[in-house]
Amino acid sequence: MTREDKRRAILAGALTVFARDGYTRAGIDTIARAAGVSTRTIYNHFADKAELFQAVIQDSAARAADAQIAVIDRHLRKVTDLEADLVDFGRELVTPAGDGDAEHFALVRQINAEAGHIPPAAIEAWQETGPLRVRRALAAYLRRWSEQGLLHVEDPDRAAVHLLLLISVDDPSYRGAAPDDAQITRTVTSGVRAFLYGHLRR
């Protein structure tokens, strides 16, 4: 196993453990077992748990953001029906893609729950690598549509935040269960319509 292979194994094992146990409770011994390496190998790559966690969240956030930006570009690069295209975009964006997706968002939930105990540099790195990149990519389309006269958007970054919140399926009424396709479609459609009600150029 090369040094790079070992690093990838450590990041994968650490993602699993941090997503399950959170930052505070995760132990280097547990991460080493999940990665199939020794604790010494982990310390050969990372100075401490804080540095490892920052590397994990940056790596995971970068992959999640790449996938989300691909969804944005795929649906919004050429718009023919603004509402329908936004609904299609929203449905794909909020539908879990697989186990890797699930682990990443489990890790995000752990960060939100433990924010006060996580090094600020790790949280800043996560935001910049993941959510802020996605928001800026979406805002670029909203800015373009405003310039073309399709929308009235004074602050594209703020509008992107509003749209992402409106199509979110983090609804307590689901009682922890993953929403089905029909629920996702209803949530996204109502969110897109609320967004367009506020931003369509009259």
Protein backbone atom coordinates (compact mmCIF):
# COMPACT_ATOMS: atom_id res chain seq x y z
CA MET A 1 0.00 0.00 0.00
CA THR A 2 1.47 3.36 -1.04
CA ARG A 3 1.56 6.40 1.20
CA GLU A 4 -1.30 7.92 -0.78
CA ASP A 5 -3.32 4.69 -0.46
CA LYS A 6 -2.83 4.79 3.31
CA ARG A 7 -3.93 8.43 3.45
CA ARG A 8 -7.10 7.60 1.47
CA ALA A 9 -7.80 4.66 3.80
CA ILE A 10 -7.34 6.89 6.85
CA LEU A 11 -9.68 9.57 5.46
CA ALA A 12 -12.32 6.96 4.57
CA GLY A 13 -12.12 5.26 7.96
CA ALA A 14 -12.14 8.59 9.80
CA LEU A 15 -15.19 9.77 7.85
CA THR A 16 -17.10 6.68 8.93
CA VAL A 17 -16.12 7.10 12.58
CA PHE A 18 -16.61 10.88 12.78
CA ALA A 19 -20.00 10.60 11.04
CA ARG A 20 -21.11 7.93 13.52
CA ASP A 21 -19.50 9.11 16.77
CA GLY A 22 -18.94 12.83 16.28
CA TYR A 23 -15.71 14.74 16.80
CA THR A 24 -15.52 14.59 20.60
CA ARG A 25 -16.20 10.87 21.05
CA ALA A 26 -14.21 9.59 18.07
CA GLY A 27 -10.92 8.02 19.11
CA ILE A 28 -7.77 7.58 17.07
CA ASP A 29 -7.67 3.86 17.99
CA THR A 30 -11.20 3.43 16.61
CA ILE A 31 -10.30 5.33 13.45
CA ALA A 32 -7.18 3.20 12.98
CA ARG A 33 -9.26 0.00 13.17
CA ALA A 34 -11.81 1.37 10.69
CA ALA A 35 -9.01 2.39 8.31
CA GLY A 36 -7.09 -0.89 8.66
CA VAL A 37 -3.90 0.91 9.71
CA SER A 38 -1.96 1.47 12.94
CA THR A 39 -2.30 4.55 15.09
CA ARG A 40 1.35 5.28 14.30
CA THR A 41 0.47 5.39 10.60
CA ILE A 42 -2.25 7.96 11.33
CA TYR A 43 0.21 10.13 13.24
CA ASN A 44 2.68 9.82 10.37
CA HIS A 45 0.08 11.61 8.21
CA PHE A 46 -1.69 13.91 10.69
CA ALA A 47 -0.37 15.75 13.73
CA ASP A 48 -3.49 15.17 15.86
CA LYS A 49 -7.22 14.48 15.77
CA ALA A 50 -8.03 18.11 14.98
CA GLU A 51 -5.85 18.09 11.85
CA LEU A 52 -7.32 14.74 10.77
CA PHE A 53 -10.87 16.00 11.26
CA GLN A 54 -10.19 19.11 9.19
CA ALA A 55 -8.74 16.98 6.39
CA VAL A 56 -11.77 14.66 6.52
CA ILE A 57 -14.38 17.40 6.40
CA GLN A 58 -12.56 19.24 3.60
CA ASP A 59 -12.22 16.06 1.55
CA SER A 60 -15.83 15.02 2.11
CA ALA A 61 -17.21 18.54 1.56
CA ALA A 62 -15.23 18.97 -1.66
CA ARG A 63 -16.67 15.76 -3.11
CA ALA A 64 -20.22 16.66 -2.01
CA ALA A 65 -19.88 20.18 -3.43
CA ASP A 66 -18.51 18.87 -6.73
CA ALA A 67 -21.56 16.61 -7.06
CA GLN A 68 -24.00 19.40 -6.13
CA ILE A 69 -22.42 21.90 -8.52
CA ALA A 70 -22.68 19.28 -11.28
CA VAL A 71 -26.42 19.07 -10.53
CA ILE A 72 -26.70 22.86 -10.67
CA ASP A 73 -24.91 23.04 -14.02
CA ARG A 74 -26.80 20.11 -15.50
CA HIS A 75 -30.23 21.59 -14.81
CA LEU A 76 -29.65 25.34 -14.93
CA ARG A 77 -27.09 25.89 -17.71
CA LYS A 78 -29.88 26.06 -20.30
CA VAL A 79 -33.30 26.97 -18.92
CA THR A 80 -36.44 26.56 -21.05
CA ASP A 81 -39.10 26.61 -18.30
CA LEU A 82 -37.84 28.34 -15.15
CA GLU A 83 -40.22 26.69 -12.68
CA ALA A 84 -39.95 23.19 -14.17
CA ASP A 85 -36.15 23.38 -14.48
CA LEU A 86 -35.79 24.63 -10.90
CA VAL A 87 -38.03 21.82 -9.63
CA ASP A 88 -35.99 19.21 -11.53
CA PHE A 89 -32.80 20.74 -10.13
CA GLY A 90 -34.18 20.82 -6.60
CA ARG A 91 -35.44 17.24 -6.70
CA GLU A 92 -32.05 15.89 -7.75
CA LEU A 93 -30.17 18.13 -5.33
CA VAL A 94 -32.08 17.00 -2.23
CA THR A 95 -32.42 13.30 -3.15
CA PRO A 96 -29.66 11.28 -1.42
CA ALA A 97 -27.27 9.83 -3.99
CA GLY A 98 -25.91 6.90 -1.96
CA ASP A 99 -23.96 5.79 1.10
CA GLY A 100 -21.18 8.35 0.56
CA ASP A 101 -23.77 11.09 0.51
CA ALA A 102 -25.34 9.72 3.69
CA GLU A 103 -22.00 9.62 5.53
CA HIS A 104 -21.17 13.18 4.51
CA PHE A 105 -24.48 14.58 5.72
CA ALA A 106 -24.29 12.52 8.92
CA LEU A 107 -20.94 14.21 9.48
CA VAL A 108 -22.53 17.62 8.83
CA ARG A 109 -25.19 16.86 11.44
CA GLN A 110 -22.44 15.95 13.93
CA ILE A 111 -20.69 19.26 13.20
CA ASN A 112 -23.89 21.20 13.80
CA ALA A 113 -24.47 19.35 17.06
CA GLU A 114 -20.89 19.79 18.33
CA ALA A 115 -19.95 23.16 16.82
CA GLY A 116 -18.77 24.51 20.16
CA HIS A 117 -16.27 21.65 20.60
CA ILE A 118 -14.85 21.56 17.07
CA PRO A 119 -11.79 23.69 16.13
CA PRO A 120 -13.05 26.84 14.34
CA ALA A 121 -10.51 26.31 11.54
CA ALA A 122 -12.19 22.99 10.66
CA ILE A 123 -15.64 24.60 10.50
CA GLU A 124 -14.33 27.45 8.34
CA ALA A 125 -12.60 24.98 6.01
CA TRP A 126 -15.81 22.95 5.68
CA GLN A 127 -17.90 26.04 4.90
CA GLU A 128 -15.48 27.38 2.31
CA THR A 129 -14.86 24.02 0.63
CA GLY A 130 -18.51 22.92 0.61
CA PRO A 131 -21.61 25.01 1.28
CA LEU A 132 -20.19 28.39 0.23
CA ARG A 133 -18.90 26.97 -3.09
CA VAL A 134 -22.34 25.53 -3.83
CA ARG A 135 -24.08 28.77 -2.86
CA ARG A 136 -21.80 30.83 -5.10
CA ALA A 137 -22.40 28.47 -8.04
CA LEU A 138 -26.17 28.81 -7.64
CA ALA A 139 -25.93 32.57 -7.10
CA ALA A 140 -24.10 32.93 -10.42
CA TYR A 141 -27.14 31.58 -12.26
CA LEU A 142 -29.55 33.76 -10.29
CA ARG A 143 -27.40 36.81 -11.11
CA ARG A 144 -27.39 35.87 -14.80
CA TRP A 145 -31.17 35.43 -14.88
CA SER A 146 -31.63 38.78 -13.14
CA GLU A 147 -29.42 40.46 -15.74
CA GLN A 148 -31.47 38.76 -18.49
CA GLY A 149 -34.71 40.07 -16.99
CA LEU A 150 -36.09 36.67 -15.93
CA LEU A 151 -35.85 37.41 -12.21
CA HIS A 152 -35.60 40.41 -9.94
CA VAL A 153 -32.70 39.60 -7.61
CA GLU A 154 -30.98 42.39 -5.66
CA ASP A 155 -28.61 40.10 -3.76
CA PRO A 156 -27.90 36.82 -5.61
CA ASP A 157 -26.02 35.29 -2.67
CA ARG A 158 -28.93 35.95 -0.30
CA ALA A 159 -31.41 34.70 -2.92
CA ALA A 160 -29.40 31.48 -3.30
CA VAL A 161 -29.64 30.93 0.47
CA HIS A 162 -33.42 31.48 0.33
CA LEU A 163 -33.87 29.00 -2.53
CA LEU A 164 -31.76 26.30 -0.87
CA LEU A 165 -33.71 26.68 2.38
CA LEU A 166 -37.08 26.64 0.63
CA ILE A 167 -36.37 23.36 -1.18
CA SER A 168 -34.82 21.67 1.86
CA VAL A 169 -36.48 18.41 2.93
CA ASP A 170 -35.23 18.62 6.53
CA ASP A 171 -38.80 18.54 7.84
CA PRO A 172 -39.47 17.32 11.41
CA SER A 173 -42.84 15.94 10.27
CA TYR A 174 -40.92 13.11 8.55
CA ARG A 175 -39.97 11.90 12.06
CA GLY A 176 -36.44 10.94 11.04
CA ALA A 177 -37.54 8.84 8.07
CA ALA A 178 -36.19 9.66 4.64
CA PRO A 179 -38.89 11.40 2.55
CA ASP A 180 -40.18 9.49 -0.47
CA ASP A 181 -40.23 10.80 -4.05
CA ALA A 182 -43.73 12.23 -3.72
CA GLN A 183 -42.83 14.13 -0.53
CA ILE A 184 -39.64 15.45 -2.12
CA THR A 185 -41.54 16.63 -5.20
CA ARG A 186 -44.21 18.39 -3.12
CA THR A 187 -41.63 20.08 -0.90
CA VAL A 188 -39.40 21.20 -3.76
CA THR A 189 -42.29 22.38 -5.94
CA SER A 190 -43.84 24.48 -3.17
CA GLY A 191 -40.41 25.88 -2.31
CA VAL A 192 -39.64 26.83 -5.92
CA ARG A 193 -43.05 28.48 -6.30
CA ALA A 194 -42.54 30.48 -3.11
CA PHE A 195 -39.12 31.56 -4.38
CA LEU A 196 -40.44 32.60 -7.78
CA TYR A 197 -43.36 34.48 -6.17
CA GLY A 198 -40.79 36.68 -4.46
CA HIS A 199 -38.33 36.98 -7.34
CA LEU A 200 -40.12 36.75 -10.69
CA ARG A 201 -39.91 40.04 -12.55
CA ARG A 202 -43.42 41.47 -12.80
